[in-house]
Amino acid sequence: MPGHARTSAALLAVGLSLTACGEDAPLDVPGGEVVGGAAAPDERVTEDLSVKAVLLAFPDDGLWAEGDDVPLYAAIANTGEEPARLVDVRGENFADARLIGEDGTDGPLEVAEDDNLYLEPDGPPSVVLVDVDRSLRSSQSIPVTFVFEDAGEVTIEAPVAPESPADGDFDTPQDPTPDDD
C-alpha cells in the first residue's frame, strides 16, 4: 500500500475511533499516558483550505524528552482551484520546524488544487518540530501554528498520539476450532 494511502487510512482510523471520545482537553501537566487520546480538531484556514487530524507522533519509549525532535502527523485539505503552500510551522514550545518535501529537500510544501497533502513521520512530505522545550507524553499537547503563503495561518493544539494497540501487550486470541488430526 503506498505511503499516502497508509497514512490516509491511519488518520481516518484514528479519527473514526476517537469520535466517541469526550471533549476533554489534553493533559496540560506531565504524568502518565492517557489511554485513547484524540487528534486535534479540524481547523479552517480559508473556505477552501483546512488542517485536519493533527497529532505528534507517539514516542518509541512513551516520552518525548526536552530537546527531542518530534515528527508531526496532519492532513491538509485544499478544495480550492488554486494550489496552497505551507511555508512555515512555528510555536512557542519548539525552536524550529523542518518542512521536508516529496523529494526529501527542505522547503515549503505545496498542496495541489482540489487535493490533500498528508504529513507523515515515516517519510516525506513531513514536518518535524525541532528541539521541543519540555517533555511530552501521550495526550499532552502543544500549540502549533501552520503558516500558508497566501492563505494566512491557523494555530492548533497538537496532542501526542495515543499508543497504538499494535505496540501494546496484546495477546492474539486462540483459534476456538479443534485441530483436525
Protein backbone atom coordinates (compact mmCIF):
# COMPACT_ATOMS: atom_id res chain seq x y z
CA MET A 1 0.00 0.00 0.00
CA PRO A 2 1.58 3.39 -0.92
CA GLY A 3 2.70 5.65 1.95
CA HIS A 4 -0.05 8.21 1.37
CA ALA A 5 -2.75 5.55 1.36
CA ARG A 6 -1.38 4.02 4.60
CA THR A 7 -1.29 7.42 6.28
CA SER A 8 -4.76 8.30 4.99
CA ALA A 9 -6.11 5.06 6.36
CA ALA A 10 -4.35 5.60 9.70
CA LEU A 11 -5.62 9.17 10.04
CA LEU A 12 -9.15 8.05 9.15
CA ALA A 13 -8.98 5.16 11.63
CA VAL A 14 -7.76 7.46 14.41
CA GLY A 15 -10.47 9.99 13.63
CA LEU A 16 -13.24 7.39 13.45
CA SER A 17 -12.13 5.50 16.55
CA LEU A 18 -11.95 8.70 18.57
CA THR A 19 -15.29 10.14 17.52
CA ALA A 20 -16.92 8.81 20.67
CA CYS A 21 -14.30 10.31 22.99
CA GLY A 22 -15.31 13.17 25.23
CA GLU A 23 -14.41 16.74 24.60
CA ASP A 24 -11.95 16.94 27.49
CA ALA A 25 -8.80 18.92 26.76
CA PRO A 26 -5.49 17.02 26.54
CA LEU A 27 -3.40 16.97 29.70
CA ASP A 28 -1.50 20.15 30.44
CA VAL A 29 0.77 18.67 33.10
CA PRO A 30 3.34 15.90 32.92
CA GLY A 31 2.11 12.50 34.00
CA GLY A 32 1.20 9.03 32.87
CA GLU A 33 -0.17 8.07 29.48
CA VAL A 34 -3.84 8.72 28.84
CA VAL A 35 -5.44 5.80 27.06
CA GLY A 36 -7.28 6.97 23.96
CA GLY A 37 -6.12 10.47 23.20
CA ALA A 38 -7.61 12.41 20.33
CA ALA A 39 -6.45 14.11 17.20
CA ALA A 40 -6.74 17.88 17.28
CA PRO A 41 -9.97 19.26 15.83
CA ASP A 42 -10.09 20.25 12.18
CA GLU A 43 -9.38 23.95 11.64
CA ARG A 44 -10.20 26.02 8.57
CA VAL A 45 -7.57 28.41 7.27
CA THR A 46 -9.83 29.70 4.48
CA GLU A 47 -13.08 28.50 2.93
CA ASP A 48 -11.06 26.12 0.71
CA LEU A 49 -8.15 25.19 2.97
CA SER A 50 -8.20 23.28 6.26
CA VAL A 51 -5.79 21.43 8.53
CA LYS A 52 -7.06 18.11 9.89
CA ALA A 53 -6.13 15.30 12.28
CA VAL A 54 -3.03 16.95 13.76
CA LEU A 55 -1.02 14.65 16.05
CA LEU A 56 2.52 14.47 17.31
CA ALA A 57 3.98 11.00 16.73
CA PHE A 58 3.96 8.59 19.68
CA PRO A 59 7.50 8.33 21.14
CA ASP A 60 9.15 4.90 21.00
CA ASP A 61 9.75 4.85 24.76
CA GLY A 62 6.50 6.66 25.71
CA LEU A 63 8.06 10.08 26.36
CA TRP A 64 9.38 12.87 24.17
CA ALA A 65 12.18 14.46 26.23
CA GLU A 66 13.09 18.13 26.31
CA GLY A 67 15.34 18.78 23.29
CA ASP A 68 13.88 15.98 21.13
CA ASP A 69 12.83 16.46 17.52
CA VAL A 70 9.18 15.43 17.23
CA PRO A 71 7.53 14.26 13.97
CA LEU A 72 4.06 15.62 13.20
CA TYR A 73 1.06 13.92 11.56
CA ALA A 74 -1.53 16.05 9.73
CA ALA A 75 -3.70 16.21 6.67
CA ILE A 76 -4.13 19.46 4.77
CA ALA A 77 -7.20 19.61 2.54
CA ASN A 78 -7.40 22.06 -0.35
CA THR A 79 -10.80 22.10 -2.07
CA GLY A 80 -9.99 25.25 -4.00
CA GLU A 81 -8.99 25.79 -7.61
CA GLU A 82 -5.51 27.14 -6.76
CA PRO A 83 -2.61 25.38 -5.04
CA ALA A 84 -1.67 26.41 -1.49
CA ARG A 85 1.82 26.49 0.04
CA LEU A 86 2.69 25.67 3.62
CA VAL A 87 5.73 27.90 4.20
CA ASP A 88 6.31 27.56 7.95
CA VAL A 89 5.27 25.74 11.10
CA ARG A 90 6.03 27.52 14.36
CA GLY A 91 5.24 27.53 18.04
CA GLU A 92 6.48 28.67 21.40
CA ASN A 93 7.31 25.13 22.59
CA PHE A 94 9.89 24.24 19.91
CA ALA A 95 12.88 26.04 18.39
CA ASP A 96 12.10 25.46 14.71
CA ALA A 97 10.37 23.12 12.27
CA ARG A 98 11.71 21.24 9.27
CA LEU A 99 9.37 21.05 6.29
CA ILE A 100 10.54 18.17 4.11
CA GLY A 101 9.19 17.91 0.56
CA GLU A 102 8.38 14.83 -1.53
CA ASP A 103 11.94 14.83 -2.90
CA GLY A 104 13.48 14.91 0.60
CA THR A 105 14.65 18.52 0.44
CA ASP A 106 13.74 21.19 2.98
CA GLY A 107 11.36 23.94 1.95
CA PRO A 108 7.72 24.92 1.50
CA LEU A 109 5.16 22.16 0.94
CA GLU A 110 2.62 22.50 -1.85
CA VAL A 111 -0.98 21.35 -1.54
CA ALA A 112 -2.29 20.95 -5.08
CA GLU A 113 -5.68 22.36 -6.02
CA ASP A 114 -8.60 20.07 -5.11
CA ASP A 115 -6.25 17.66 -3.34
CA ASN A 116 -4.91 16.64 0.07
CA LEU A 117 -1.40 16.66 1.49
CA TYR A 118 -0.64 14.05 4.15
CA LEU A 119 2.25 14.77 6.51
CA GLU A 120 3.81 11.52 7.69
CA PRO A 121 6.54 10.93 10.27
CA ASP A 122 7.83 7.93 8.31
CA GLY A 123 8.78 9.84 5.17
CA PRO A 124 8.24 12.87 3.01
CA PRO A 125 6.35 15.02 2.84
CA SER A 126 6.77 15.61 6.54
CA VAL A 127 7.16 18.18 9.28
CA VAL A 128 9.48 17.70 12.25
CA LEU A 129 9.31 20.02 15.26
CA VAL A 130 12.93 20.69 16.28
CA ASP A 131 14.12 20.91 19.90
CA VAL A 132 10.88 20.77 21.95
CA ASP A 133 11.22 22.74 25.17
CA ARG A 134 9.57 20.21 27.52
CA SER A 135 8.82 16.53 27.87
CA LEU A 136 5.56 15.25 26.36
CA ARG A 137 3.57 12.05 26.91
CA SER A 138 0.53 10.65 25.14
CA SER A 139 -2.39 13.11 25.01
CA GLN A 140 -0.35 16.07 26.23
CA SER A 141 -0.30 18.85 23.66
CA ILE A 142 1.46 21.96 22.45
CA PRO A 143 0.14 24.72 20.18
CA VAL A 144 1.40 24.53 16.59
CA THR A 145 0.87 27.30 14.02
CA PHE A 146 0.65 26.36 10.33
CA VAL A 147 1.61 29.33 8.10
CA PHE A 148 0.47 29.40 4.45
CA GLU A 149 1.91 31.70 1.81
CA ASP A 150 -1.28 33.50 0.74
CA ALA A 151 -3.97 31.91 2.91
CA GLY A 152 -2.76 33.05 6.33
CA GLU A 153 -2.22 30.92 9.39
CA VAL A 154 -4.02 28.74 11.91
CA THR A 155 -2.95 27.58 15.37
CA ILE A 156 -3.97 24.13 16.58
CA GLU A 157 -3.30 22.24 19.84
CA ALA A 158 -1.30 19.22 18.67
CA PRO A 159 -1.57 16.28 21.09
CA VAL A 160 0.89 13.41 21.27
CA ALA A 161 -0.73 10.37 19.63
CA PRO A 162 -2.04 7.58 21.83
CA GLU A 163 -0.03 4.38 21.94
CA SER A 164 -1.08 2.08 19.15
CA PRO A 165 -2.71 -1.21 20.21
CA ALA A 166 -0.13 -2.90 17.97
CA ASP A 167 2.58 -1.56 20.28
CA GLY A 168 0.99 -2.87 23.50
CA ASP A 169 0.84 -6.25 25.18
CA PHE A 170 -1.96 -7.63 23.04
CA ASP A 171 -2.32 -11.40 23.01
CA THR A 172 -3.61 -12.96 19.82
CA PRO A 173 -6.85 -14.88 20.53
CA GLN A 174 -6.60 -18.64 20.28
CA ASP A 175 -8.38 -20.41 17.43
CA PRO A 176 -11.51 -21.94 19.03
CA THR A 177 -11.87 -24.69 16.40
CA PRO A 178 -10.41 -28.11 17.27
CA ASP A 179 -7.38 -29.38 15.40
CA ASP A 180 -8.13 -32.00 12.77
CA ASP A 181 -5.65 -34.79 13.25
